[in-house]
Amino acid sequence: MQITDVRIRKINEEGKMKAIVSVTFDQEFVVHDIKIIEGQNGLFIAMPSRKMGEGDFRDIAHPLTSETRAKIRDAILEAYDAMAEQQEEENSDSVQF
């Protein structure tokens, strides 16, 4: 299984949730609504989930192994960092004195 596309649909400057991401696998299967969240120890990903009963949340889709989770996390955060860097460059280019 290869990650063939990572699309960041929304980036927030404010709040703990930084972005919403879609990841495509083998150009055949996509998982939408993966969240990038700022935690106490840095950025982490949260898989798509649904609210169950008393306020508990349960993942709708998730990796079965820690190696797969790390692979997905690394691809997402790499794409997020590249997009954030690009936005920062665009913002600094548009500032005029």
PDB file of N, CA and C in Angstrom:
ATOM      1  N   MET A   1       0.843  -1.176   0.000  1.00  0.00           N
ATOM      2  CA  MET A   1       0.000   0.000   0.000  1.00  0.00           C
ATOM      3  C   MET A   1       0.891   1.243   0.000  1.00  0.00           C
ATOM      4  N   GLN A   2       0.631   2.110  -0.960  1.00  0.00           N
ATOM      5  CA  GLN A   2       1.390   3.350  -1.064  1.00  0.00           C
ATOM      6  C   GLN A   2       0.449   4.546  -0.930  1.00  0.00           C
ATOM      7  N   ILE A   3       0.927   5.583  -0.272  1.00  0.00           N
ATOM      8  CA  ILE A   3       0.185   6.837  -0.213  1.00  0.00           C
ATOM      9  C   ILE A   3       0.498   7.570  -1.506  1.00  0.00           C
ATOM     10  N   THR A   4      -0.530   7.803  -2.324  1.00  0.00           N
ATOM     11  CA  THR A   4      -0.312   8.406  -3.633  1.00  0.00           C
ATOM     12  C   THR A   4      -0.743   9.867  -3.700  1.00  0.00           C
ATOM     13  N   ASP A   5      -1.460  10.365  -2.682  1.00  0.00           N
ATOM     14  CA  ASP A   5      -1.850  11.775  -2.679  1.00  0.00           C
ATOM     15  C   ASP A   5      -2.238  12.184  -1.267  1.00  0.00           C
ATOM     16  N   VAL A   6      -1.842  13.395  -0.903  1.00  0.00           N
ATOM     17  CA  VAL A   6      -2.250  14.007   0.357  1.00  0.00           C
ATOM     18  C   VAL A   6      -2.768  15.391   0.015  1.00  0.00           C
ATOM     19  N   ARG A   7      -4.036  15.640   0.339  1.00  0.00           N
ATOM     20  CA  ARG A   7      -4.639  16.954   0.049  1.00  0.00           C
ATOM     21  C   ARG A   7      -5.070  17.612   1.343  1.00  0.00           C
ATOM     22  N   ILE A   8      -4.560  18.808   1.534  1.00  0.00           N
ATOM     23  CA  ILE A   8      -4.912  19.589   2.713  1.00  0.00           C
ATOM     24  C   ILE A   8      -5.965  20.597   2.273  1.00  0.00           C
ATOM     25  N   ARG A   9      -7.175  20.452   2.803  1.00  0.00           N
ATOM     26  CA  ARG A   9      -8.287  21.277   2.352  1.00  0.00           C
ATOM     27  C   ARG A   9      -8.447  22.555   3.145  1.00  0.00           C
ATOM     28  N   LYS A  10      -7.964  22.594   4.357  1.00  0.00           N
ATOM     29  CA  LYS A  10      -8.218  23.755   5.190  1.00  0.00           C
ATOM     30  C   LYS A  10      -7.081  23.892   6.187  1.00  0.00           C
ATOM     31  N   ILE A  11      -6.570  25.092   6.315  1.00  0.00           N
ATOM     32  CA  ILE A  11      -5.546  25.349   7.331  1.00  0.00           C
ATOM     33  C   ILE A  11      -6.037  26.475   8.230  1.00  0.00           C
ATOM     34  N   ASN A  12      -6.011  26.232   9.522  1.00  0.00           N
ATOM     35  CA  ASN A  12      -6.416  27.237  10.511  1.00  0.00           C
ATOM     36  C   ASN A  12      -5.190  27.775  11.222  1.00  0.00           C
ATOM     37  N   GLU A  13      -5.134  29.066  11.348  1.00  0.00           N
ATOM     38  CA  GLU A  13      -4.068  29.683  12.137  1.00  0.00           C
ATOM     39  C   GLU A  13      -4.453  29.668  13.622  1.00  0.00           C
ATOM     40  N   GLU A  14      -5.733  29.802  13.893  1.00  0.00           N
ATOM     41  CA  GLU A  14      -6.237  29.878  15.262  1.00  0.00           C
ATOM     42  C   GLU A  14      -6.751  28.516  15.715  1.00  0.00           C
ATOM     43  N   GLY A  15      -6.714  28.289  17.010  1.00  0.00           N
ATOM     44  CA  GLY A  15      -7.276  27.068  17.572  1.00  0.00           C
ATOM     45  C   GLY A  15      -6.329  25.880  17.472  1.00  0.00           C
ATOM     46  N   LYS A  16      -6.755  24.772  18.058  1.00  0.00           N
ATOM     47  CA  LYS A  16      -5.918  23.571  18.100  1.00  0.00           C
ATOM     48  C   LYS A  16      -5.987  22.755  16.816  1.00  0.00           C
ATOM     49  N   MET A  17      -7.151  22.763  16.139  1.00  0.00           N
ATOM     50  CA  MET A  17      -7.246  22.016  14.888  1.00  0.00           C
ATOM     51  C   MET A  17      -6.615  22.862  13.786  1.00  0.00           C
ATOM     52  N   LYS A  18      -5.572  22.331  13.166  1.00  0.00           N
ATOM     53  CA  LYS A  18      -4.801  23.087  12.192  1.00  0.00           C
ATOM     54  C   LYS A  18      -5.221  22.835  10.758  1.00  0.00           C
ATOM     55  N   ALA A  19      -5.695  21.623  10.440  1.00  0.00           N
ATOM     56  CA  ALA A  19      -6.052  21.331   9.053  1.00  0.00           C
ATOM     57  C   ALA A  19      -6.933  20.094   8.975  1.00  0.00           C
ATOM     58  N   ILE A  20      -7.634  19.995   7.829  1.00  0.00           N
ATOM     59  CA  ILE A  20      -8.412  18.813   7.462  1.00  0.00           C
ATOM     60  C   ILE A  20      -7.740  18.223   6.223  1.00  0.00           C
ATOM     61  N   VAL A  21      -7.539  16.908   6.222  1.00  0.00           N
ATOM     62  CA  VAL A  21      -6.728  16.268   5.187  1.00  0.00           C
ATOM     63  C   VAL A  21      -7.474  15.076   4.576  1.00  0.00           C
ATOM     64  N   SER A  22      -7.215  14.837   3.291  1.00  0.00           N
ATOM     65  CA  SER A  22      -7.652  13.614   2.613  1.00  0.00           C
ATOM     66  C   SER A  22      -6.406  12.893   2.123  1.00  0.00           C
ATOM     67  N   VAL A  23      -6.361  11.587   2.315  1.00  0.00           N
ATOM     68  CA  VAL A  23      -5.216  10.777   1.899  1.00  0.00           C
ATOM     69  C   VAL A  23      -5.702   9.707   0.926  1.00  0.00           C
ATOM     70  N   THR A  24      -5.021   9.599  -0.222  1.00  0.00           N
ATOM     71  CA  THR A  24      -5.347   8.585  -1.226  1.00  0.00           C
ATOM     72  C   THR A  24      -4.299   7.483  -1.177  1.00  0.00           C
ATOM     73  N   PHE A  25      -4.766   6.240  -1.239  1.00  0.00           N
ATOM     74  CA  PHE A  25      -3.899   5.074  -1.217  1.00  0.00           C
ATOM     75  C   PHE A  25      -3.981   4.369  -2.568  1.00  0.00           C
ATOM     76  N   ASP A  26      -2.827   4.096  -3.149  1.00  0.00           N
ATOM     77  CA  ASP A  26      -2.724   3.349  -4.410  1.00  0.00           C
ATOM     78  C   ASP A  26      -3.614   3.902  -5.517  1.00  0.00           C
ATOM     79  N   GLN A  27      -3.881   5.185  -5.492  1.00  0.00           N
ATOM     80  CA  GLN A  27      -4.749   5.852  -6.471  1.00  0.00           C
ATOM     81  C   GLN A  27      -6.097   5.160  -6.614  1.00  0.00           C
ATOM     82  N   GLU A  28      -6.525   4.480  -5.541  1.00  0.00           N
ATOM     83  CA  GLU A  28      -7.776   3.716  -5.605  1.00  0.00           C
ATOM     84  C   GLU A  28      -8.701   3.907  -4.410  1.00  0.00           C
ATOM     85  N   PHE A  29      -8.163   4.356  -3.278  1.00  0.00           N
ATOM     86  CA  PHE A  29      -8.961   4.434  -2.054  1.00  0.00           C
ATOM     87  C   PHE A  29      -8.594   5.713  -1.319  1.00  0.00           C
ATOM     88  N   VAL A  30      -9.607   6.461  -0.866  1.00  0.00           N
ATOM     89  CA  VAL A  30      -9.332   7.728  -0.186  1.00  0.00           C
ATOM     90  C   VAL A  30      -9.994   7.747   1.187  1.00  0.00           C
ATOM     91  N   VAL A  31      -9.311   8.364   2.140  1.00  0.00           N
ATOM     92  CA  VAL A  31      -9.863   8.594   3.474  1.00  0.00           C
ATOM     93  C   VAL A  31      -9.912  10.105   3.671  1.00  0.00           C
ATOM     94  N   HIS A  32     -11.125  10.639   3.887  1.00  0.00           N
ATOM     95  CA  HIS A  32     -11.340  12.062   4.093  1.00  0.00           C
ATOM     96  C   HIS A  32     -11.417  12.378   5.588  1.00  0.00           C
ATOM     97  N   ASP A  33     -11.289  13.641   5.895  1.00  0.00           N
ATOM     98  CA  ASP A  33     -11.533  14.193   7.234  1.00  0.00           C
ATOM     99  C   ASP A  33     -10.559  13.719   8.305  1.00  0.00           C
ATOM    100  N   ILE A  34      -9.320  13.502   7.923  1.00  0.00           N
ATOM    101  CA  ILE A  34      -8.268  13.285   8.915  1.00  0.00           C
ATOM    102  C   ILE A  34      -7.871  14.679   9.409  1.00  0.00           C
ATOM    103  N   LYS A  35      -7.783  14.842  10.711  1.00  0.00           N
ATOM    104  CA  LYS A  35      -7.504  16.158  11.282  1.00  0.00           C
ATOM    105  C   LYS A  35      -6.050  16.248  11.748  1.00  0.00           C
ATOM    106  N   ILE A  36      -5.457  17.414  11.544  1.00  0.00           N
ATOM    107  CA  ILE A  36      -4.154  17.716  12.132  1.00  0.00           C
ATOM    108  C   ILE A  36      -4.439  18.618  13.325  1.00  0.00           C
ATOM    109  N   ILE A  37      -3.985  18.186  14.490  1.00  0.00           N
ATOM    110  CA  ILE A  37      -4.285  18.884  15.737  1.00  0.00           C
ATOM    111  C   ILE A  37      -2.989  19.226  16.457  1.00  0.00           C
ATOM    112  N   GLU A  38      -2.967  20.428  17.041  1.00  0.00           N
ATOM    113  CA  GLU A  38      -1.826  20.867  17.849  1.00  0.00           C
ATOM    114  C   GLU A  38      -2.057  20.391  19.275  1.00  0.00           C
ATOM    115  N   GLY A  39      -1.193  19.494  19.745  1.00  0.00           N
ATOM    116  CA  GLY A  39      -1.288  18.982  21.107  1.00  0.00           C
ATOM    117  C   GLY A  39      -0.168  19.521  21.971  1.00  0.00           C
ATOM    118  N   GLN A  40      -0.094  19.068  23.182  1.00  0.00           N
ATOM    119  CA  GLN A  40       0.944  19.514  24.114  1.00  0.00           C
ATOM    120  C   GLN A  40       2.338  19.116  23.641  1.00  0.00           C
ATOM    121  N   ASN A  41       2.444  18.012  22.912  1.00  0.00           N
ATOM    122  CA  ASN A  41       3.742  17.525  22.441  1.00  0.00           C
ATOM    123  C   ASN A  41       3.942  17.756  20.947  1.00  0.00           C
ATOM    124  N   GLY A  42       3.214  18.698  20.368  1.00  0.00           N
ATOM    125  CA  GLY A  42       3.342  18.990  18.946  1.00  0.00           C
ATOM    126  C   GLY A  42       2.143  18.506  18.156  1.00  0.00           C
ATOM    127  N   LEU A  43       2.302  18.478  16.838  1.00  0.00           N
ATOM    128  CA  LEU A  43       1.207  18.093  15.953  1.00  0.00           C
ATOM    129  C   LEU A  43       0.972  16.584  15.977  1.00  0.00           C
ATOM    130  N   PHE A  44      -0.313  16.200  15.872  1.00  0.00           N
ATOM    131  CA  PHE A  44      -0.657  14.797  15.708  1.00  0.00           C
ATOM    132  C   PHE A  44      -1.863  14.713  14.789  1.00  0.00           C
ATOM    133  N   ILE A  45      -2.155  13.495  14.300  1.00  0.00           N
ATOM    134  CA  ILE A  45      -3.314  13.316  13.440  1.00  0.00           C
ATOM    135  C   ILE A  45      -4.411  12.583  14.201  1.00  0.00           C
ATOM    136  N   ALA A  46      -5.657  12.909  13.846  1.00  0.00           N
ATOM    137  CA  ALA A  46      -6.823  12.217  14.394  1.00  0.00           C
ATOM    138  C   ALA A  46      -7.610  11.670  13.206  1.00  0.00           C
ATOM    139  N   MET A  47      -7.855  10.399  13.219  1.00  0.00           N
ATOM    140  CA  MET A  47      -8.579   9.749  12.136  1.00  0.00           C
ATOM    141  C   MET A  47     -10.048  10.179  12.171  1.00  0.00           C
ATOM    142  N   PRO A  48     -10.765  10.034  11.045  1.00  0.00           N
ATOM    143  CA  PRO A  48     -12.177  10.415  11.029  1.00  0.00           C
ATOM    144  C   PRO A  48     -12.945   9.611  12.077  1.00  0.00           C
ATOM    145  N   SER A  49     -13.844  10.286  12.781  1.00  0.00           N
ATOM    146  CA  SER A  49     -14.576   9.614  13.856  1.00  0.00           C
ATOM    147  C   SER A  49     -16.030  10.048  13.863  1.00  0.00           C
ATOM    148  N   ARG A  50     -16.808   9.309  14.635  1.00  0.00           N
ATOM    149  CA  ARG A  50     -18.236   9.586  14.771  1.00  0.00           C
ATOM    150  C   ARG A  50     -18.565   9.613  16.259  1.00  0.00           C
ATOM    151  N   LYS A  51     -19.454  10.531  16.643  1.00  0.00           N
ATOM    152  CA  LYS A  51     -19.879  10.621  18.039  1.00  0.00           C
ATOM    153  C   LYS A  51     -20.829   9.478  18.352  1.00  0.00           C
ATOM    154  N   MET A  52     -20.547   8.796  19.445  1.00  0.00           N
ATOM    155  CA  MET A  52     -21.351   7.645  19.854  1.00  0.00           C
ATOM    156  C   MET A  52     -21.983   7.947  21.218  1.00  0.00           C
ATOM    157  N   GLY A  53     -23.274   7.887  21.299  1.00  0.00           N
ATOM    158  CA  GLY A  53     -23.987   7.974  22.575  1.00  0.00           C
ATOM    159  C   GLY A  53     -23.613   9.119  23.480  1.00  0.00           C
ATOM    160  N   GLU A  54     -22.962   8.807  24.571  1.00  0.00           N
ATOM    161  CA  GLU A  54     -22.700   9.737  25.664  1.00  0.00           C
ATOM    162  C   GLU A  54     -21.518  10.676  25.423  1.00  0.00           C
ATOM    163  N   GLY A  55     -21.250  11.042  24.189  1.00  0.00           N
ATOM    164  CA  GLY A  55     -20.156  11.958  23.913  1.00  0.00           C
ATOM    165  C   GLY A  55     -18.847  11.271  23.569  1.00  0.00           C
ATOM    166  N   ASP A  56     -18.832   9.954  23.573  1.00  0.00           N
ATOM    167  CA  ASP A  56     -17.638   9.225  23.166  1.00  0.00           C
ATOM    168  C   ASP A  56     -17.506   9.283  21.649  1.00  0.00           C
ATOM    169  N   PHE A  57     -16.266   9.267  21.173  1.00  0.00           N
ATOM    170  CA  PHE A  57     -16.008   9.257  19.745  1.00  0.00           C
ATOM    171  C   PHE A  57     -15.341   7.953  19.368  1.00  0.00           C
ATOM    172  N   ARG A  58     -15.700   7.418  18.200  1.00  0.00           N
ATOM    173  CA  ARG A  58     -15.117   6.167  17.710  1.00  0.00           C
ATOM    174  C   ARG A  58     -14.632   6.387  16.285  1.00  0.00           C
ATOM    175  N   ASP A  59     -13.385   5.951  16.019  1.00  0.00           N
ATOM    176  CA  ASP A  59     -12.826   6.098  14.678  1.00  0.00           C
ATOM    177  C   ASP A  59     -13.666   5.325  13.666  1.00  0.00           C
ATOM    178  N   ILE A  60     -13.900   5.953  12.519  1.00  0.00           N
ATOM    179  CA  ILE A  60     -14.615   5.308  11.419  1.00  0.00           C
ATOM    180  C   ILE A  60     -13.640   4.472  10.604  1.00  0.00           C
ATOM    181  N   ALA A  61     -12.458   5.020  10.372  1.00  0.00           N
ATOM    182  CA  ALA A  61     -11.394   4.325   9.629  1.00  0.00           C
ATOM    183  C   ALA A  61     -10.091   4.593  10.362  1.00  0.00           C
ATOM    184  N   HIS A  62      -9.245   3.574  10.448  1.00  0.00           N
ATOM    185  CA  HIS A  62      -7.970   3.756  11.142  1.00  0.00           C
ATOM    186  C   HIS A  62      -6.992   2.664  10.729  1.00  0.00           C
ATOM    187  N   PRO A  63      -5.690   2.959  10.836  1.00  0.00           N
ATOM    188  CA  PRO A  63      -4.676   1.936  10.530  1.00  0.00           C
ATOM    189  C   PRO A  63      -4.675   0.863  11.625  1.00  0.00           C
ATOM    190  N   LEU A  64      -4.309  -0.353  11.230  1.00  0.00           N
ATOM    191  CA  LEU A  64      -4.288  -1.460  12.183  1.00  0.00           C
ATOM    192  C   LEU A  64      -2.953  -1.612  12.896  1.00  0.00           C
ATOM    193  N   THR A  65      -1.884  -1.050  12.318  1.00  0.00           N
ATOM    194  CA  THR A  65      -0.569  -1.185  12.946  1.00  0.00           C
ATOM    195  C   THR A  65       0.041   0.188  13.214  1.00  0.00           C
ATOM    196  N   SER A  66       0.926   0.236  14.183  1.00  0.00           N
ATOM    197  CA  SER A  66       1.586   1.504  14.504  1.00  0.00           C
ATOM    198  C   SER A  66       2.506   1.943  13.364  1.00  0.00           C
ATOM    199  N   GLU A  67       3.053   0.982  12.618  1.00  0.00           N
ATOM    200  CA  GLU A  67       3.908   1.333  11.479  1.00  0.00           C
ATOM    201  C   GLU A  67       3.104   2.043  10.392  1.00  0.00           C
ATOM    202  N   THR A  68       1.903   1.553  10.130  1.00  0.00           N
ATOM    203  CA  THR A  68       1.050   2.183   9.125  1.00  0.00           C
ATOM    204  C   THR A  68       0.600   3.559   9.594  1.00  0.00           C
ATOM    205  N   ARG A  69       0.257   3.676  10.869  1.00  0.00           N
ATOM    206  CA  ARG A  69      -0.124   4.989  11.413  1.00  0.00           C
ATOM    207  C   ARG A  69       1.031   5.971  11.270  1.00  0.00           C
ATOM    208  N   ALA A  70       2.239   5.540  11.561  1.00  0.00           N
ATOM    209  CA  ALA A  70       3.411   6.421  11.446  1.00  0.00           C
ATOM    210  C   ALA A  70       3.641   6.836   9.991  1.00  0.00           C
ATOM    211  N   LYS A  71       3.455   5.905   9.071  1.00  0.00           N
ATOM    212  CA  LYS A  71       3.621   6.201   7.646  1.00  0.00           C
ATOM    213  C   LYS A  71       2.618   7.265   7.201  1.00  0.00           C
ATOM    214  N   ILE A  72       1.362   7.107   7.609  1.00  0.00           N
ATOM    215  CA  ILE A  72       0.321   8.075   7.262  1.00  0.00           C
ATOM    216  C   ILE A  72       0.618   9.418   7.923  1.00  0.00           C
ATOM    217  N   ARG A  73       0.941   9.394   9.211  1.00  0.00           N
ATOM    218  CA  ARG A  73       1.242  10.631   9.950  1.00  0.00           C
ATOM    219  C   ARG A  73       2.397  11.386   9.304  1.00  0.00           C
ATOM    220  N   ASP A  74       3.463  10.677   8.980  1.00  0.00           N
ATOM    221  CA  ASP A  74       4.634  11.326   8.396  1.00  0.00           C
ATOM    222  C   ASP A  74       4.312  11.971   7.049  1.00  0.00           C
ATOM    223  N   ALA A  75       3.536  11.279   6.212  1.00  0.00           N
ATOM    224  CA  ALA A  75       3.167  11.833   4.906  1.00  0.00           C
ATOM    225  C   ALA A  75       2.291  13.073   5.067  1.00  0.00           C
ATOM    226  N   ILE A  76       1.352  13.020   6.003  1.00  0.00           N
ATOM    227  CA  ILE A  76       0.450  14.151   6.235  1.00  0.00           C
ATOM    228  C   ILE A  76       1.221  15.349   6.774  1.00  0.00           C
ATOM    229  N   LEU A  77       2.048  15.135   7.782  1.00  0.00           N
ATOM    230  CA  LEU A  77       2.762  16.254   8.391  1.00  0.00           C
ATOM    231  C   LEU A  77       3.803  16.851   7.445  1.00  0.00           C
ATOM    232  N   GLU A  78       4.388  16.027   6.584  1.00  0.00           N
ATOM    233  CA  GLU A  78       5.315  16.539   5.575  1.00  0.00           C
ATOM    234  C   GLU A  78       4.579  17.465   4.602  1.00  0.00           C
ATOM    235  N   ALA A  79       3.407  17.051   4.146  1.00  0.00           N
ATOM    236  CA  ALA A  79       2.607  17.880   3.234  1.00  0.00           C
ATOM    237  C   ALA A  79       2.129  19.145   3.933  1.00  0.00           C
ATOM    238  N   TYR A  80       1.741  19.028   5.204  1.00  0.00           N
ATOM    239  CA  TYR A  80       1.289  20.184   5.979  1.00  0.00           C
ATOM    240  C   TYR A  80       2.417  21.198   6.145  1.00  0.00           C
ATOM    241  N   ASP A  81       3.605  20.720   6.503  1.00  0.00           N
ATOM    242  CA  ASP A  81       4.749  21.624   6.674  1.00  0.00           C
ATOM    243  C   ASP A  81       5.088  22.335   5.372  1.00  0.00           C
ATOM    244  N   ALA A  82       5.037  21.614   4.251  1.00  0.00           N
ATOM    245  CA  ALA A  82       5.333  22.223   2.947  1.00  0.00           C
ATOM    246  C   ALA A  82       4.300  23.292   2.614  1.00  0.00           C
ATOM    247  N   MET A  83       3.018  23.011   2.878  1.00  0.00           N
ATOM    248  CA  MET A  83       1.973  23.989   2.579  1.00  0.00           C
ATOM    249  C   MET A  83       2.072  25.197   3.502  1.00  0.00           C
ATOM    250  N   ALA A  84       2.346  24.970   4.777  1.00  0.00           N
ATOM    251  CA  ALA A  84       2.479  26.070   5.722  1.00  0.00           C
ATOM    252  C   ALA A  84       3.669  26.962   5.348  1.00  0.00           C
ATOM    253  N   GLU A  85       4.764  26.339   4.930  1.00  0.00           N
ATOM    254  CA  GLU A  85       5.946  27.092   4.500  1.00  0.00           C
ATOM    255  C   GLU A  85       5.632  27.920   3.254  1.00  0.00           C
ATOM    256  N   GLN A  86       4.909  27.320   2.322  1.00  0.00           N
ATOM    257  CA  GLN A  86       4.531  28.032   1.095  1.00  0.00           C
ATOM    258  C   GLN A  86       3.641  29.224   1.427  1.00  0.00           C
ATOM    259  N   GLN A  87       2.678  29.048   2.323  1.00  0.00           N
ATOM    260  CA  GLN A  87       1.796  30.148   2.706  1.00  0.00           C
ATOM    261  C   GLN A  87       2.583  31.256   3.394  1.00  0.00           C
ATOM    262  N   GLU A  88       3.543  30.861   4.224  1.00  0.00           N
ATOM    263  CA  GLU A  88       4.370  31.844   4.917  1.00  0.00           C
ATOM    264  C   GLU A  88       5.170  32.676   3.920  1.00  0.00           C
ATOM    265  N   GLU A  89       5.727  32.014   2.904  1.00  0.00           N
ATOM    266  CA  GLU A  89       6.481  32.719   1.864  1.00  0.00           C
ATOM    267  C   GLU A  89       5.582  33.670   1.091  1.00  0.00           C
ATOM    268  N   GLU A  90       4.362  33.207   0.757  1.00  0.00           N
ATOM    269  CA  GLU A  90       3.429  34.050   0.024  1.00  0.00           C
ATOM    270  C   GLU A  90       3.030  35.267   0.855  1.00  0.00           C
ATOM    271  N   ASN A  91       2.824  35.067   2.161  1.00  0.00           N
ATOM    272  CA  ASN A  91       2.459  36.176   3.044  1.00  0.00           C
ATOM    273  C   ASN A  91       3.599  37.179   3.171  1.00  0.00           C
ATOM    274  N   SER A  92       4.840  36.694   3.253  1.00  0.00           N
ATOM    275  CA  SER A  92       5.966  37.610   3.378  1.00  0.00           C
ATOM    276  C   SER A  92       6.225  38.334   2.072  1.00  0.00           C
ATOM    277  N   ASP A  93       5.934  37.690   0.929  1.00  0.00           N
ATOM    278  CA  ASP A  93       6.096  38.350  -0.366  1.00  0.00           C
ATOM    279  C   ASP A  93       5.059  39.441  -0.573  1.00  0.00           C
ATOM    280  N   SER A  94       3.880  39.288   0.013  1.00  0.00           N
ATOM    281  CA  SER A  94       2.817  40.268  -0.202  1.00  0.00           C
ATOM    282  C   SER A  94       2.921  41.466   0.722  1.00  0.00           C
ATOM    283  N   VAL A  95       3.774  41.405   1.743  1.00  0.00           N
ATOM    284  CA  VAL A  95       3.963  42.530   2.644  1.00  0.00           C
ATOM    285  C   VAL A  95       4.848  43.563   1.946  1.00  0.00           C
ATOM    286  N   GLN A  96       4.316  44.778   1.849  1.00  0.00           N
ATOM    287  CA  GLN A  96       5.074  45.838   1.199  1.00  0.00           C
ATOM    288  C   GLN A  96       5.341  46.957   2.201  1.00  0.00           C
ATOM    289  N   PHE A  97       6.493  47.560   2.080  1.00  0.00           N
ATOM    290  CA  PHE A  97       6.872  48.658   2.975  1.00  0.00           C
ATOM    291  C   PHE A  97       6.887  49.953   2.247  1.00  0.00           C
TER     292      PHE A  97
END
